[in-house]
Amino acid sequence: MHVVLARCRINRLSRIDRVTAEPLRRYEHPHPGSLIHVDVTKFGNIPDGGGHRFVVRKQGDLDKRAMTGLPKGKDCKPLTGKAFLHTVVDDDSRIAYAEIHSDERGDTATAVLRRAGAWFGERGAVVERVLSGNGSAYRPFVWRDACAELGIQHKRTRPYRPQTNCKIERFHRTLAGGWAYARHYQSETERRTALPGWIHFYHGRFRKGPASWR
């Protein structure tokens, strides 16, 4: 049995879909801009002094209480809020574009798409298609109208199948480990300031970018 599975290149779990047990079908679009993946990921804001991942939870709660002007939750503890990271990844080159906002509304996602399209255009890549999830940020008419205006074909992933948008899901995992929770940030401002530098470092991992796009 092992010989047959090895011959079919499905003898390892990393080579098959663990849900359906079917062989993985890897794809890559032919040129930059042919398809971009978009999504939103969320991170809790870091209180001044550091978050509980690097200091004990009791100290983290004290850091939150020391910050003035924060709203309070049902347990009367201060709420630092969330950072909504709107991300765009090119399918062919894996070049990434990201913006941090305070919400994930449709108008915010649409504005990010316009700026990302211009950013890719400055580097010689014309966006032709965009693949998004089924979230509320990508359903409003303003998103549909922007795609039509920019000449971009919009596609959505299959419901309850995030694997369809796997490249940006994998980028989010790398983003969390390499930037969001990589070290002890003293404040949310410090972490956000570090994002552009990490994106530049991330681009250096791929042979296709960003040198050919400069």
N, C-alpha and C. Protein backbone atom coordinates (compact mmCIF):
# COMPACT_ATOMS: atom_id res chain seq x y z
N MET A 1 0.83 -1.21 0.00
CA MET A 1 0.00 0.00 0.00
C MET A 1 0.87 1.26 0.00
N HIS A 2 1.94 1.24 0.78
CA HIS A 2 2.82 2.41 0.83
C HIS A 2 3.44 2.69 -0.53
N VAL A 3 3.82 1.64 -1.24
CA VAL A 3 4.43 1.82 -2.56
C VAL A 3 3.45 2.49 -3.52
N VAL A 4 2.18 2.07 -3.47
CA VAL A 4 1.17 2.66 -4.35
C VAL A 4 0.93 4.13 -3.99
N LEU A 5 0.81 4.43 -2.70
CA LEU A 5 0.60 5.81 -2.27
C LEU A 5 1.78 6.69 -2.64
N ALA A 6 3.00 6.16 -2.48
CA ALA A 6 4.19 6.94 -2.83
C ALA A 6 4.24 7.20 -4.33
N ARG A 7 3.82 6.21 -5.12
CA ARG A 7 3.82 6.37 -6.57
C ARG A 7 2.84 7.47 -6.99
N CYS A 8 1.73 7.58 -6.27
CA CYS A 8 0.71 8.61 -6.56
C CYS A 8 1.01 9.94 -5.86
N ARG A 9 2.13 9.98 -5.12
CA ARG A 9 2.56 11.19 -4.42
C ARG A 9 1.53 11.66 -3.39
N ILE A 10 0.89 10.72 -2.72
CA ILE A 10 -0.05 11.07 -1.65
C ILE A 10 0.25 10.26 -0.40
N ASN A 11 1.53 9.92 -0.21
CA ASN A 11 1.91 9.11 0.95
C ASN A 11 2.15 9.94 2.19
N ARG A 12 2.04 11.26 2.08
CA ARG A 12 2.22 12.12 3.25
C ARG A 12 0.98 12.99 3.43
N LEU A 13 0.63 13.27 4.71
CA LEU A 13 -0.55 14.09 4.99
C LEU A 13 -0.40 15.50 4.44
N SER A 14 0.84 15.98 4.33
CA SER A 14 1.06 17.33 3.82
C SER A 14 0.73 17.45 2.34
N ARG A 15 0.54 16.31 1.65
CA ARG A 15 0.27 16.33 0.21
C ARG A 15 -1.20 16.13 -0.12
N ILE A 16 -2.06 15.97 0.87
CA ILE A 16 -3.48 15.78 0.62
C ILE A 16 -4.30 16.73 1.47
N ASP A 17 -5.52 16.97 1.06
CA ASP A 17 -6.48 17.75 1.82
C ASP A 17 -7.00 16.88 2.96
N ARG A 18 -6.78 17.29 4.20
CA ARG A 18 -7.15 16.45 5.33
C ARG A 18 -8.65 16.32 5.50
N VAL A 19 -9.41 17.23 4.89
CA VAL A 19 -10.88 17.15 5.00
C VAL A 19 -11.45 16.16 4.00
N THR A 20 -11.03 16.26 2.74
CA THR A 20 -11.58 15.41 1.69
C THR A 20 -10.68 14.23 1.33
N ALA A 21 -9.41 14.24 1.79
CA ALA A 21 -8.43 13.20 1.48
C ALA A 21 -8.07 13.17 0.00
N GLU A 22 -8.37 14.27 -0.71
CA GLU A 22 -8.01 14.34 -2.13
C GLU A 22 -6.64 14.96 -2.29
N PRO A 23 -5.90 14.60 -3.36
CA PRO A 23 -4.59 15.23 -3.59
C PRO A 23 -4.71 16.73 -3.72
N LEU A 24 -3.74 17.45 -3.19
CA LEU A 24 -3.74 18.91 -3.28
C LEU A 24 -3.52 19.33 -4.73
N ARG A 25 -4.29 20.30 -5.17
CA ARG A 25 -4.14 20.84 -6.52
C ARG A 25 -3.58 22.25 -6.40
N ARG A 26 -2.30 22.36 -6.56
CA ARG A 26 -1.65 23.66 -6.43
C ARG A 26 -1.74 24.41 -7.76
N TYR A 27 -1.93 25.71 -7.65
CA TYR A 27 -2.05 26.52 -8.86
C TYR A 27 -1.29 27.82 -8.66
N GLU A 28 -0.94 28.44 -9.76
CA GLU A 28 -0.28 29.74 -9.72
C GLU A 28 -0.61 30.45 -11.01
N HIS A 29 -1.15 31.64 -10.89
CA HIS A 29 -1.53 32.39 -12.09
C HIS A 29 -0.29 32.86 -12.85
N PRO A 30 -0.43 33.08 -14.16
CA PRO A 30 0.74 33.22 -15.02
C PRO A 30 1.57 34.48 -14.84
N HIS A 31 0.97 35.56 -14.35
CA HIS A 31 1.73 36.81 -14.25
C HIS A 31 1.17 37.66 -13.11
N PRO A 32 1.98 38.57 -12.56
CA PRO A 32 1.51 39.44 -11.48
C PRO A 32 0.29 40.25 -11.90
N GLY A 33 -0.69 40.31 -11.02
CA GLY A 33 -1.91 41.04 -11.29
C GLY A 33 -3.02 40.20 -11.88
N SER A 34 -2.69 38.99 -12.35
CA SER A 34 -3.72 38.13 -12.91
C SER A 34 -4.79 37.79 -11.87
N LEU A 35 -4.36 37.62 -10.61
CA LEU A 35 -5.30 37.38 -9.53
C LEU A 35 -4.70 37.88 -8.23
N ILE A 36 -5.49 38.62 -7.45
CA ILE A 36 -5.06 39.02 -6.12
C ILE A 36 -6.05 38.45 -5.10
N HIS A 37 -5.54 38.10 -3.94
CA HIS A 37 -6.37 37.61 -2.84
C HIS A 37 -6.55 38.73 -1.83
N VAL A 38 -7.75 38.93 -1.33
CA VAL A 38 -8.01 39.97 -0.32
C VAL A 38 -8.71 39.34 0.87
N ASP A 39 -8.45 39.89 2.04
CA ASP A 39 -9.10 39.41 3.26
C ASP A 39 -8.84 40.41 4.38
N VAL A 40 -9.48 40.18 5.52
CA VAL A 40 -9.29 41.01 6.71
C VAL A 40 -8.98 40.08 7.88
N THR A 41 -7.93 40.39 8.62
CA THR A 41 -7.61 39.65 9.83
C THR A 41 -7.57 40.63 11.00
N LYS A 42 -7.84 40.14 12.21
CA LYS A 42 -7.97 41.03 13.37
C LYS A 42 -6.93 40.67 14.41
N PHE A 43 -6.39 41.71 15.07
CA PHE A 43 -5.47 41.54 16.19
C PHE A 43 -5.91 42.49 17.31
N GLY A 44 -5.85 42.00 18.54
CA GLY A 44 -6.16 42.87 19.67
C GLY A 44 -5.08 43.92 19.85
N ASN A 45 -5.49 45.16 20.10
CA ASN A 45 -4.52 46.24 20.31
C ASN A 45 -3.70 45.98 21.58
N ILE A 46 -2.44 46.38 21.54
CA ILE A 46 -1.54 46.18 22.67
C ILE A 46 -1.61 47.38 23.60
N PRO A 47 -1.83 47.18 24.88
CA PRO A 47 -1.82 48.31 25.83
C PRO A 47 -0.40 48.82 26.04
N ASP A 48 -0.28 50.06 26.46
CA ASP A 48 1.04 50.63 26.77
C ASP A 48 1.69 49.80 27.88
N GLY A 49 2.92 49.37 27.62
CA GLY A 49 3.63 48.53 28.57
C GLY A 49 3.76 47.09 28.10
N GLY A 50 2.89 46.68 27.14
CA GLY A 50 3.00 45.35 26.60
C GLY A 50 1.76 44.52 26.84
N GLY A 51 1.53 43.55 25.97
CA GLY A 51 0.38 42.67 26.09
C GLY A 51 0.66 41.45 26.95
N HIS A 52 -0.41 40.69 27.23
CA HIS A 52 -0.29 39.57 28.16
C HIS A 52 0.51 38.41 27.59
N ARG A 53 0.78 38.39 26.27
CA ARG A 53 1.59 37.31 25.70
C ARG A 53 3.04 37.38 26.16
N PHE A 54 3.50 38.58 26.55
CA PHE A 54 4.89 38.73 26.95
C PHE A 54 5.04 39.16 28.40
N VAL A 55 3.97 39.60 29.02
CA VAL A 55 4.00 39.89 30.45
C VAL A 55 2.90 39.04 31.09
N VAL A 56 2.96 38.83 32.38
CA VAL A 56 1.92 38.02 33.03
C VAL A 56 0.57 38.72 32.87
N ARG A 57 -0.51 37.93 32.85
CA ARG A 57 -1.83 38.49 32.60
C ARG A 57 -2.20 39.57 33.61
N LYS A 58 -1.78 39.38 34.86
CA LYS A 58 -2.09 40.39 35.88
C LYS A 58 -1.45 41.72 35.52
N GLN A 59 -0.18 41.67 35.04
CA GLN A 59 0.49 42.92 34.65
C GLN A 59 -0.18 43.51 33.42
N GLY A 60 -0.63 42.65 32.50
CA GLY A 60 -1.32 43.15 31.33
C GLY A 60 -2.59 43.88 31.69
N ASP A 61 -3.34 43.35 32.67
CA ASP A 61 -4.56 44.03 33.12
C ASP A 61 -4.23 45.37 33.76
N LEU A 62 -3.13 45.42 34.50
CA LEU A 62 -2.71 46.69 35.11
C LEU A 62 -2.33 47.71 34.04
N ASP A 63 -1.68 47.24 32.97
CA ASP A 63 -1.32 48.14 31.88
C ASP A 63 -2.57 48.72 31.22
N LYS A 64 -3.61 47.89 31.09
CA LYS A 64 -4.86 48.38 30.50
C LYS A 64 -5.51 49.44 31.38
N ARG A 65 -5.54 49.17 32.69
CA ARG A 65 -6.19 50.11 33.61
C ARG A 65 -5.44 51.44 33.68
N ALA A 66 -4.14 51.39 33.39
CA ALA A 66 -3.34 52.62 33.43
C ALA A 66 -3.64 53.53 32.25
N MET A 67 -4.25 52.98 31.18
CA MET A 67 -4.58 53.78 30.01
C MET A 67 -5.93 54.46 30.23
N THR A 68 -5.98 55.74 30.08
CA THR A 68 -7.20 56.51 30.32
C THR A 68 -8.02 56.64 29.04
N GLY A 69 -9.33 56.80 29.21
CA GLY A 69 -10.21 57.04 28.07
C GLY A 69 -10.67 55.80 27.34
N LEU A 70 -10.35 54.60 27.86
CA LEU A 70 -10.77 53.37 27.19
C LEU A 70 -12.18 52.98 27.62
N PRO A 71 -13.01 52.47 26.69
CA PRO A 71 -14.33 51.96 27.09
C PRO A 71 -14.17 50.70 27.92
N LYS A 72 -15.22 50.35 28.68
CA LYS A 72 -15.15 49.18 29.54
C LYS A 72 -16.17 48.14 29.10
N GLY A 73 -15.79 46.87 29.27
CA GLY A 73 -16.66 45.77 28.90
C GLY A 73 -17.61 45.40 30.01
N LYS A 74 -18.29 44.25 29.86
CA LYS A 74 -19.27 43.81 30.85
C LYS A 74 -18.62 43.48 32.19
N ASP A 75 -17.33 43.09 32.14
CA ASP A 75 -16.64 42.76 33.39
C ASP A 75 -15.93 43.98 33.99
N CYS A 76 -16.26 45.18 33.44
CA CYS A 76 -15.70 46.45 33.91
C CYS A 76 -14.20 46.59 33.63
N LYS A 77 -13.65 45.70 32.78
CA LYS A 77 -12.24 45.82 32.41
C LYS A 77 -12.11 46.70 31.17
N PRO A 78 -11.08 47.53 31.10
CA PRO A 78 -10.90 48.39 29.92
C PRO A 78 -10.72 47.57 28.65
N LEU A 79 -11.26 48.07 27.54
CA LEU A 79 -11.16 47.42 26.25
C LEU A 79 -10.19 48.20 25.37
N THR A 80 -9.14 47.54 24.91
CA THR A 80 -8.16 48.22 24.06
C THR A 80 -8.59 48.24 22.61
N GLY A 81 -9.61 47.45 22.24
CA GLY A 81 -10.09 47.44 20.87
C GLY A 81 -9.29 46.49 19.98
N LYS A 82 -9.64 46.48 18.69
CA LYS A 82 -8.99 45.60 17.73
C LYS A 82 -8.44 46.39 16.56
N ALA A 83 -7.39 45.82 15.97
CA ALA A 83 -6.82 46.37 14.74
C ALA A 83 -7.28 45.47 13.60
N PHE A 84 -7.94 46.04 12.60
CA PHE A 84 -8.41 45.29 11.44
C PHE A 84 -7.39 45.47 10.32
N LEU A 85 -6.71 44.40 9.99
CA LEU A 85 -5.66 44.45 8.99
C LEU A 85 -6.22 43.98 7.65
N HIS A 86 -6.38 44.91 6.73
CA HIS A 86 -6.85 44.60 5.38
C HIS A 86 -5.63 44.21 4.54
N THR A 87 -5.64 42.97 4.05
CA THR A 87 -4.46 42.45 3.35
C THR A 87 -4.79 42.09 1.91
N VAL A 88 -3.78 42.25 1.05
CA VAL A 88 -3.87 41.91 -0.37
C VAL A 88 -2.60 41.16 -0.74
N VAL A 89 -2.75 39.99 -1.37
CA VAL A 89 -1.59 39.18 -1.78
C VAL A 89 -1.75 38.83 -3.26
N ASP A 90 -0.69 39.08 -4.04
CA ASP A 90 -0.69 38.72 -5.45
C ASP A 90 -0.45 37.22 -5.59
N ASP A 91 -1.25 36.56 -6.39
CA ASP A 91 -1.18 35.10 -6.50
C ASP A 91 0.13 34.64 -7.12
N ASP A 92 0.62 35.31 -8.13
CA ASP A 92 1.80 34.86 -8.85
C ASP A 92 3.09 35.14 -8.09
N SER A 93 3.27 36.38 -7.63
CA SER A 93 4.55 36.79 -7.03
C SER A 93 4.55 36.73 -5.51
N ARG A 94 3.37 36.62 -4.89
CA ARG A 94 3.19 36.65 -3.44
C ARG A 94 3.51 38.02 -2.83
N ILE A 95 3.65 39.04 -3.65
CA ILE A 95 3.84 40.39 -3.12
C ILE A 95 2.60 40.77 -2.31
N ALA A 96 2.81 41.38 -1.15
CA ALA A 96 1.71 41.67 -0.23
C ALA A 96 1.57 43.17 -0.01
N TYR A 97 0.33 43.58 0.21
CA TYR A 97 -0.02 44.96 0.53
C TYR A 97 -0.95 44.91 1.73
N ALA A 98 -0.73 45.80 2.70
CA ALA A 98 -1.55 45.75 3.93
C ALA A 98 -1.79 47.14 4.47
N GLU A 99 -2.98 47.33 5.03
CA GLU A 99 -3.35 48.57 5.71
C GLU A 99 -4.07 48.23 7.01
N ILE A 100 -3.83 49.00 8.05
CA ILE A 100 -4.50 48.80 9.33
C ILE A 100 -5.61 49.83 9.49
N HIS A 101 -6.82 49.35 9.83
CA HIS A 101 -7.96 50.23 10.03
C HIS A 101 -8.69 49.83 11.30
N SER A 102 -9.69 50.63 11.66
CA SER A 102 -10.46 50.38 12.88
C SER A 102 -11.76 49.64 12.62
N ASP A 103 -12.01 49.23 11.36
CA ASP A 103 -13.24 48.51 11.04
C ASP A 103 -13.01 47.67 9.79
N GLU A 104 -14.03 46.88 9.44
CA GLU A 104 -13.98 46.06 8.23
C GLU A 104 -15.23 46.29 7.38
N ARG A 105 -15.67 47.53 7.32
CA ARG A 105 -16.85 47.86 6.53
C ARG A 105 -16.54 47.81 5.03
N GLY A 106 -17.61 47.79 4.25
CA GLY A 106 -17.44 47.69 2.81
C GLY A 106 -16.73 48.88 2.20
N ASP A 107 -17.03 50.10 2.69
CA ASP A 107 -16.37 51.27 2.11
C ASP A 107 -14.88 51.30 2.44
N THR A 108 -14.52 50.79 3.62
CA THR A 108 -13.10 50.71 3.98
C THR A 108 -12.38 49.70 3.09
N ALA A 109 -12.97 48.52 2.91
CA ALA A 109 -12.36 47.50 2.06
C ALA A 109 -12.26 47.97 0.61
N THR A 110 -13.26 48.73 0.15
CA THR A 110 -13.24 49.25 -1.22
C THR A 110 -12.11 50.26 -1.41
N ALA A 111 -11.93 51.14 -0.42
CA ALA A 111 -10.84 52.11 -0.50
C ALA A 111 -9.48 51.42 -0.51
N VAL A 112 -9.35 50.35 0.28
CA VAL A 112 -8.10 49.58 0.28
C VAL A 112 -7.85 48.96 -1.09
N LEU A 113 -8.90 48.43 -1.71
CA LEU A 113 -8.77 47.85 -3.05
C LEU A 113 -8.28 48.88 -4.05
N ARG A 114 -8.85 50.08 -4.01
CA ARG A 114 -8.43 51.13 -4.94
C ARG A 114 -6.96 51.48 -4.75
N ARG A 115 -6.55 51.66 -3.49
CA ARG A 115 -5.14 52.02 -3.24
C ARG A 115 -4.20 50.87 -3.57
N ALA A 116 -4.63 49.64 -3.28
CA ALA A 116 -3.80 48.49 -3.61
C ALA A 116 -3.65 48.35 -5.13
N GLY A 117 -4.75 48.57 -5.87
CA GLY A 117 -4.67 48.50 -7.32
C GLY A 117 -3.72 49.53 -7.89
N ALA A 118 -3.75 50.74 -7.32
CA ALA A 118 -2.82 51.79 -7.76
C ALA A 118 -1.38 51.42 -7.40
N TRP A 119 -1.18 50.83 -6.22
CA TRP A 119 0.15 50.42 -5.77
C TRP A 119 0.73 49.35 -6.68
N PHE A 120 -0.09 48.35 -7.03
CA PHE A 120 0.37 47.33 -7.96
C PHE A 120 0.61 47.91 -9.35
N GLY A 121 -0.26 48.86 -9.76
CA GLY A 121 -0.10 49.48 -11.07
C GLY A 121 1.20 50.25 -11.20
N GLU A 122 1.63 50.91 -10.13
CA GLU A 122 2.91 51.62 -10.15
C GLU A 122 4.09 50.69 -10.36
N ARG A 123 3.89 49.41 -10.06
CA ARG A 123 4.95 48.41 -10.21
C ARG A 123 4.75 47.54 -11.44
N GLY A 124 3.88 48.00 -12.33
CA GLY A 124 3.72 47.34 -13.62
C GLY A 124 2.78 46.17 -13.64
N ALA A 125 1.97 45.99 -12.61
CA ALA A 125 1.02 44.87 -12.56
C ALA A 125 -0.40 45.42 -12.58
N VAL A 126 -1.16 45.09 -13.60
CA VAL A 126 -2.56 45.51 -13.71
C VAL A 126 -3.44 44.42 -13.11
N VAL A 127 -4.22 44.78 -12.11
CA VAL A 127 -5.07 43.81 -11.44
C VAL A 127 -6.24 43.42 -12.34
N GLU A 128 -6.38 42.12 -12.60
CA GLU A 128 -7.44 41.62 -13.47
C GLU A 128 -8.57 40.94 -12.70
N ARG A 129 -8.20 40.19 -11.66
CA ARG A 129 -9.20 39.46 -10.87
C ARG A 129 -8.91 39.64 -9.39
N VAL A 130 -9.94 39.53 -8.59
CA VAL A 130 -9.78 39.58 -7.15
C VAL A 130 -10.60 38.46 -6.53
N LEU A 131 -10.00 37.72 -5.61
CA LEU A 131 -10.67 36.63 -4.91
C LEU A 131 -10.84 37.02 -3.45
N SER A 132 -12.07 36.99 -2.97
CA SER A 132 -12.36 37.38 -1.59
C SER A 132 -13.19 36.30 -0.92
N GLY A 133 -13.34 36.43 0.38
CA GLY A 133 -14.24 35.57 1.13
C GLY A 133 -15.68 36.03 0.96
N ASN A 134 -16.55 35.52 1.81
CA ASN A 134 -17.97 35.86 1.73
C ASN A 134 -18.39 36.81 2.85
N GLY A 135 -17.41 37.52 3.43
CA GLY A 135 -17.70 38.43 4.51
C GLY A 135 -18.46 39.67 4.07
N SER A 136 -18.99 40.39 5.05
CA SER A 136 -19.81 41.57 4.75
C SER A 136 -19.01 42.68 4.08
N ALA A 137 -17.68 42.68 4.24
CA ALA A 137 -16.87 43.74 3.64
C ALA A 137 -16.87 43.68 2.12
N TYR A 138 -17.17 42.49 1.56
CA TYR A 138 -17.06 42.31 0.11
C TYR A 138 -18.41 42.05 -0.55
N ARG A 139 -19.49 42.45 0.12
CA ARG A 139 -20.82 42.27 -0.44
C ARG A 139 -21.54 43.57 -0.81
N PRO A 140 -21.18 44.72 -0.24
CA PRO A 140 -21.93 45.95 -0.55
C PRO A 140 -21.84 46.34 -2.02
N PHE A 141 -22.78 47.17 -2.45
CA PHE A 141 -22.79 47.67 -3.82
C PHE A 141 -21.55 48.52 -4.11
N VAL A 142 -21.03 49.20 -3.09
CA VAL A 142 -19.87 50.05 -3.32
C VAL A 142 -18.67 49.21 -3.75
N TRP A 143 -18.55 47.98 -3.21
CA TRP A 143 -17.47 47.08 -3.62
C TRP A 143 -17.68 46.59 -5.06
N ARG A 144 -18.94 46.21 -5.35
CA ARG A 144 -19.26 45.74 -6.70
C ARG A 144 -19.01 46.83 -7.73
N ASP A 145 -19.44 48.06 -7.42
CA ASP A 145 -19.28 49.16 -8.37
C ASP A 145 -17.81 49.51 -8.57
N ALA A 146 -17.01 49.43 -7.50
CA ALA A 146 -15.58 49.73 -7.63
C ALA A 146 -14.89 48.70 -8.52
N CYS A 147 -15.24 47.42 -8.36
CA CYS A 147 -14.65 46.38 -9.21
C CYS A 147 -15.00 46.62 -10.67
N ALA A 148 -16.26 47.00 -10.93
CA ALA A 148 -16.68 47.27 -12.31
C ALA A 148 -15.94 48.48 -12.88
N GLU A 149 -15.78 49.51 -12.06
CA GLU A 149 -15.09 50.72 -12.51
C GLU A 149 -13.63 50.45 -12.82
N LEU A 150 -12.99 49.61 -12.01
CA LEU A 150 -11.57 49.32 -12.19
C LEU A 150 -11.32 48.21 -13.20
N GLY A 151 -12.39 47.60 -13.71
CA GLY A 151 -12.23 46.52 -14.67
C GLY A 151 -11.71 45.24 -14.05
N ILE A 152 -12.09 44.99 -12.78
CA ILE A 152 -11.61 43.82 -12.06
C ILE A 152 -12.75 42.81 -11.92
N GLN A 153 -12.49 41.58 -12.26
CA GLN A 153 -13.49 40.52 -12.09
C GLN A 153 -13.43 39.99 -10.67
N HIS A 154 -14.56 40.04 -9.98
CA HIS A 154 -14.62 39.63 -8.57
C HIS A 154 -15.12 38.21 -8.45
N LYS A 155 -14.38 37.39 -7.70
CA LYS A 155 -14.81 36.03 -7.40
C LYS A 155 -14.81 35.83 -5.89
N ARG A 156 -15.71 34.98 -5.40
CA ARG A 156 -15.78 34.66 -3.99
C ARG A 156 -15.39 33.20 -3.76
N THR A 157 -14.91 32.92 -2.57
CA THR A 157 -14.57 31.55 -2.22
C THR A 157 -15.84 30.75 -1.96
N ARG A 158 -15.71 29.44 -1.98
CA ARG A 158 -16.84 28.59 -1.62
C ARG A 158 -17.16 28.78 -0.14
N PRO A 159 -18.44 28.82 0.23
CA PRO A 159 -18.80 28.99 1.66
C PRO A 159 -18.19 27.89 2.52
N TYR A 160 -17.68 28.30 3.66
CA TYR A 160 -17.09 27.40 4.65
C TYR A 160 -15.88 26.63 4.11
N ARG A 161 -15.24 27.20 3.09
CA ARG A 161 -14.05 26.56 2.54
C ARG A 161 -12.92 27.59 2.45
N PRO A 162 -12.32 27.98 3.58
CA PRO A 162 -11.23 28.95 3.54
C PRO A 162 -10.02 28.46 2.77
N GLN A 163 -9.95 27.12 2.50
CA GLN A 163 -8.83 26.60 1.73
C GLN A 163 -8.78 27.21 0.33
N THR A 164 -9.95 27.66 -0.18
CA THR A 164 -9.98 28.27 -1.51
C THR A 164 -9.13 29.53 -1.56
N ASN A 165 -9.04 30.22 -0.44
CA ASN A 165 -8.25 31.44 -0.33
C ASN A 165 -6.99 31.17 0.50
N CYS A 166 -6.40 29.98 0.27
CA CYS A 166 -5.36 29.49 1.17
C CYS A 166 -4.10 30.36 1.18
N LYS A 167 -3.79 31.03 0.08
CA LYS A 167 -2.54 31.78 0.03
C LYS A 167 -2.57 32.97 0.99
N ILE A 168 -3.71 33.63 1.09
CA ILE A 168 -3.77 34.76 2.02
C ILE A 168 -3.97 34.27 3.44
N GLU A 169 -4.61 33.11 3.62
CA GLU A 169 -4.73 32.52 4.95
C GLU A 169 -3.35 32.17 5.48
N ARG A 170 -2.51 31.63 4.62
CA ARG A 170 -1.14 31.30 5.02
C ARG A 170 -0.34 32.56 5.31
N PHE A 171 -0.60 33.62 4.55
CA PHE A 171 0.07 34.89 4.80
C PHE A 171 -0.30 35.43 6.17
N HIS A 172 -1.57 35.29 6.56
CA HIS A 172 -2.00 35.76 7.88
C HIS A 172 -1.28 35.00 8.99
N ARG A 173 -1.08 33.71 8.79
CA ARG A 173 -0.37 32.92 9.80
C ARG A 173 1.09 33.37 9.92
N THR A 174 1.71 33.62 8.78
CA THR A 174 3.08 34.13 8.79
C THR A 174 3.14 35.52 9.40
N LEU A 175 2.13 36.33 9.12
CA LEU A 175 2.05 37.69 9.65
C LEU A 175 1.96 37.69 11.17
N ALA A 176 1.14 36.77 11.70
CA ALA A 176 0.97 36.70 13.16
C ALA A 176 2.28 36.31 13.84
N GLY A 177 2.95 35.29 13.31
CA GLY A 177 4.17 34.83 13.94
C GLY A 177 5.38 35.70 13.68
N GLY A 178 5.41 36.35 12.52
CA GLY A 178 6.58 37.15 12.16
C GLY A 178 6.50 38.60 12.57
N TRP A 179 5.26 39.12 12.74
CA TRP A 179 5.11 40.55 13.09
C TRP A 179 4.25 40.77 14.32
N ALA A 180 3.00 40.34 14.30
CA ALA A 180 2.05 40.71 15.35
C ALA A 180 2.49 40.24 16.73
N TYR A 181 2.96 38.99 16.83
CA TYR A 181 3.34 38.43 18.13
C TYR A 181 4.81 38.00 18.15
N ALA A 182 5.62 38.65 17.32
CA ALA A 182 7.02 38.23 17.18
C ALA A 182 7.88 38.65 18.36
N ARG A 183 7.56 39.77 18.99
CA ARG A 183 8.40 40.26 20.09
C ARG A 183 7.57 41.11 21.04
N HIS A 184 8.21 41.56 22.08
CA HIS A 184 7.53 42.36 23.09
C HIS A 184 7.45 43.82 22.63
N TYR A 185 6.29 44.22 22.14
CA TYR A 185 6.07 45.62 21.77
C TYR A 185 5.60 46.38 23.01
N GLN A 186 6.12 47.57 23.20
CA GLN A 186 5.75 48.38 24.34
C GLN A 186 4.41 49.09 24.16
N SER A 187 3.93 49.17 22.92
CA SER A 187 2.65 49.84 22.66
C SER A 187 2.13 49.40 21.30
N GLU A 188 0.87 49.71 21.03
CA GLU A 188 0.28 49.41 19.73
C GLU A 188 0.93 50.26 18.65
N THR A 189 1.29 51.49 18.98
CA THR A 189 1.97 52.35 18.01
C THR A 189 3.28 51.75 17.57
N GLU A 190 4.03 51.19 18.49
CA GLU A 190 5.31 50.56 18.16
C GLU A 190 5.11 49.39 17.22
N ARG A 191 4.08 48.58 17.48
CA ARG A 191 3.83 47.43 16.61
C ARG A 191 3.43 47.88 15.21
N ARG A 192 2.56 48.88 15.11
CA ARG A 192 2.13 49.34 13.79
C ARG A 192 3.28 49.97 13.01
N THR A 193 4.18 50.63 13.71
CA THR A 193 5.33 51.23 13.05
C THR A 193 6.24 50.17 12.46
N ALA A 194 6.25 48.97 13.06
CA ALA A 194 7.12 47.90 12.60
C ALA A 194 6.57 47.15 11.39
N LEU A 195 5.30 47.38 11.03
CA LEU A 195 4.68 46.62 9.95
C LEU A 195 5.35 46.83 8.59
N PRO A 196 5.60 48.06 8.13
CA PRO A 196 6.22 48.22 6.81
C PRO A 196 7.57 47.52 6.69
N GLY A 197 8.39 47.59 7.75
CA GLY A 197 9.68 46.92 7.72
C GLY A 197 9.53 45.41 7.60
N TRP A 198 8.53 44.85 8.30
CA TRP A 198 8.35 43.40 8.21
C TRP A 198 7.84 43.01 6.83
N ILE A 199 6.95 43.81 6.23
CA ILE A 199 6.46 43.52 4.89
C ILE A 199 7.62 43.49 3.90
N HIS A 200 8.55 44.43 4.04
CA HIS A 200 9.72 44.47 3.16
C HIS A 200 10.56 43.20 3.35
N PHE A 201 10.73 42.78 4.61
CA PHE A 201 11.46 41.55 4.89
C PHE A 201 10.75 40.35 4.30
N TYR A 202 9.44 40.32 4.39
CA TYR A 202 8.65 39.22 3.84
C TYR A 202 8.82 39.11 2.33
N HIS A 203 8.85 40.24 1.64
CA HIS A 203 9.02 40.23 0.19
C HIS A 203 10.35 39.60 -0.21
N GLY A 204 11.36 39.75 0.61
CA GLY A 204 12.68 39.21 0.29
C GLY A 204 12.73 37.70 0.27
N ARG A 205 11.68 37.03 0.73
CA ARG A 205 11.66 35.57 0.76
C ARG A 205 11.38 34.97 -0.61
N PHE A 206 10.89 35.79 -1.55
CA PHE A 206 10.47 35.25 -2.84
C PHE A 206 11.37 35.77 -3.96
N ARG A 207 11.75 34.88 -4.84
CA ARG A 207 12.66 35.24 -5.93
C ARG A 207 12.02 36.22 -6.91
N LYS A 208 10.68 36.14 -7.06
CA LYS A 208 10.01 36.96 -8.04
C LYS A 208 9.79 38.40 -7.58
N GLY A 209 10.01 38.67 -6.35
CA GLY A 209 9.74 40.02 -5.88
C GLY A 209 10.63 40.37 -4.72
N PRO A 210 10.70 41.64 -4.40
CA PRO A 210 10.12 42.74 -5.16
C PRO A 210 11.10 43.39 -6.11
N ALA A 211 12.31 42.77 -6.30
CA ALA A 211 13.34 43.40 -7.12
C ALA A 211 12.85 43.64 -8.54
N SER A 212 12.10 42.68 -9.11
CA SER A 212 11.61 42.83 -10.49
C SER A 212 10.49 43.84 -10.59
N TRP A 213 9.99 44.33 -9.44
CA TRP A 213 8.87 45.26 -9.44
C TRP A 213 9.29 46.68 -9.13
N ARG A 214 10.54 46.92 -8.84
CA ARG A 214 10.95 48.25 -8.41
C ARG A 214 10.94 49.23 -9.59
